[in-house]
Amino acid sequence: MIDLNHIIDFATQLPHPSDIGLIKPSGGFNLAAALCGLGAVFGMTQFLYYSDDSKRIDPWAKPENYE
């Protein structure tokens, strides 16, 4: 099994993103951030679903044994 103790130890030493100014903590629910997150998840699922060629239906495609 993979030993993750060294990764966890390293991660506990990293500063919190709010400490270095990457994010600004808010006091309440941020609707804009929630909508952006939902949009990103929806876009990712659409990309993963439609990137699979086995599910693609092409109405202009000809059958394999078309003469």
C-alpha atoms as a PDB file:
ATOM      1  CA  MET A   1       0.000   0.000   0.000  1.00  0.00           C
ATOM      2  CA  ILE A   2       1.156   3.541  -0.690  1.00  0.00           C
ATOM      3  CA  ASP A   3       2.373   5.420   2.372  1.00  0.00           C
ATOM      4  CA  LEU A   4       0.873   8.914   2.334  1.00  0.00           C
ATOM      5  CA  ASN A   5       2.324  10.107   5.632  1.00  0.00           C
ATOM      6  CA  HIS A   6       5.046  12.225   3.991  1.00  0.00           C
ATOM      7  CA  ILE A   7       2.481  13.904   1.703  1.00  0.00           C
ATOM      8  CA  ILE A   8       0.154  14.629   4.615  1.00  0.00           C
ATOM      9  CA  ASP A   9       3.047  15.991   6.676  1.00  0.00           C
ATOM     10  CA  PHE A  10       4.035  18.299   3.832  1.00  0.00           C
ATOM     11  CA  ALA A  11       0.446  19.478   3.317  1.00  0.00           C
ATOM     12  CA  THR A  12       0.117  20.425   6.987  1.00  0.00           C
ATOM     13  CA  GLN A  13       3.144  22.716   6.642  1.00  0.00           C
ATOM     14  CA  LEU A  14       1.665  24.732   3.759  1.00  0.00           C
ATOM     15  CA  PRO A  15       0.047  28.076   4.581  1.00  0.00           C
ATOM     16  CA  HIS A  16      -3.694  28.492   4.269  1.00  0.00           C
ATOM     17  CA  PRO A  17      -4.679  30.223   0.990  1.00  0.00           C
ATOM     18  CA  SER A  18      -6.228  33.114   2.930  1.00  0.00           C
ATOM     19  CA  ASP A  19      -2.877  33.703   4.686  1.00  0.00           C
ATOM     20  CA  ILE A  20      -1.103  34.476   1.409  1.00  0.00           C
ATOM     21  CA  GLY A  21      -3.947  36.472  -0.150  1.00  0.00           C
ATOM     22  CA  LEU A  22      -5.239  33.960  -2.686  1.00  0.00           C
ATOM     23  CA  ILE A  23      -8.767  33.926  -1.328  1.00  0.00           C
ATOM     24  CA  LYS A  24     -10.716  36.315   0.811  1.00  0.00           C
ATOM     25  CA  PRO A  25     -12.868  34.617   3.430  1.00  0.00           C
ATOM     26  CA  SER A  26     -16.450  35.850   3.423  1.00  0.00           C
ATOM     27  CA  GLY A  27     -18.844  36.047   6.308  1.00  0.00           C
ATOM     28  CA  GLY A  28     -21.761  34.392   4.545  1.00  0.00           C
ATOM     29  CA  PHE A  29     -22.941  32.444   1.553  1.00  0.00           C
ATOM     30  CA  ASN A  30     -21.450  33.696  -1.706  1.00  0.00           C
ATOM     31  CA  LEU A  31     -23.987  33.064  -4.476  1.00  0.00           C
ATOM     32  CA  ALA A  32     -21.665  34.054  -7.320  1.00  0.00           C
ATOM     33  CA  ALA A  33     -18.979  31.608  -6.209  1.00  0.00           C
ATOM     34  CA  ALA A  34     -21.546  28.835  -5.804  1.00  0.00           C
ATOM     35  CA  LEU A  35     -22.941  29.423  -9.307  1.00  0.00           C
ATOM     36  CA  CYS A  36     -19.451  29.481 -10.820  1.00  0.00           C
ATOM     37  CA  GLY A  37     -18.636  26.197  -9.088  1.00  0.00           C
ATOM     38  CA  LEU A  38     -21.847  24.586 -10.339  1.00  0.00           C
ATOM     39  CA  GLY A  39     -21.121  25.852 -13.844  1.00  0.00           C
ATOM     40  CA  ALA A  40     -17.630  24.379 -13.755  1.00  0.00           C
ATOM     41  CA  VAL A  41     -18.926  20.989 -12.589  1.00  0.00           C
ATOM     42  CA  PHE A  42     -21.663  21.013 -15.260  1.00  0.00           C
ATOM     43  CA  GLY A  43     -19.149  21.925 -17.960  1.00  0.00           C
ATOM     44  CA  MET A  44     -16.781  19.180 -16.854  1.00  0.00           C
ATOM     45  CA  THR A  45     -19.532  16.549 -16.925  1.00  0.00           C
ATOM     46  CA  GLN A  46     -20.648  17.694 -20.405  1.00  0.00           C
ATOM     47  CA  PHE A  47     -17.080  17.526 -21.668  1.00  0.00           C
ATOM     48  CA  LEU A  48     -16.526  14.046 -20.255  1.00  0.00           C
ATOM     49  CA  TYR A  49     -19.868  12.755 -21.579  1.00  0.00           C
ATOM     50  CA  TYR A  50     -19.544  14.111 -25.105  1.00  0.00           C
ATOM     51  CA  SER A  51     -15.842  13.328 -25.429  1.00  0.00           C
ATOM     52  CA  ASP A  52     -16.645   9.592 -25.506  1.00  0.00           C
ATOM     53  CA  ASP A  53     -16.848   8.610 -29.183  1.00  0.00           C
ATOM     54  CA  SER A  54     -18.767   5.414 -28.424  1.00  0.00           C
ATOM     55  CA  LYS A  55     -21.824   7.502 -27.443  1.00  0.00           C
ATOM     56  CA  ARG A  56     -21.659   9.749 -30.501  1.00  0.00           C
ATOM     57  CA  ILE A  57     -24.571   9.535 -32.897  1.00  0.00           C
ATOM     58  CA  ASP A  58     -23.810  11.048 -36.284  1.00  0.00           C
ATOM     59  CA  PRO A  59     -26.955  11.400 -38.425  1.00  0.00           C
ATOM     60  CA  TRP A  60     -24.827  11.990 -41.555  1.00  0.00           C
ATOM     61  CA  ALA A  61     -22.701   8.879 -41.116  1.00  0.00           C
ATOM     62  CA  LYS A  62     -23.091   6.152 -43.688  1.00  0.00           C
ATOM     63  CA  PRO A  63     -23.496   2.499 -42.663  1.00  0.00           C
ATOM     64  CA  GLU A  64     -20.380   0.343 -42.810  1.00  0.00           C
ATOM     65  CA  ASN A  65     -21.629  -1.833 -45.706  1.00  0.00           C
ATOM     66  CA  TYR A  66     -23.008   1.041 -47.814  1.00  0.00           C
ATOM     67  CA  GLU A  67     -22.373   0.615 -51.539  1.00  0.00           C
END
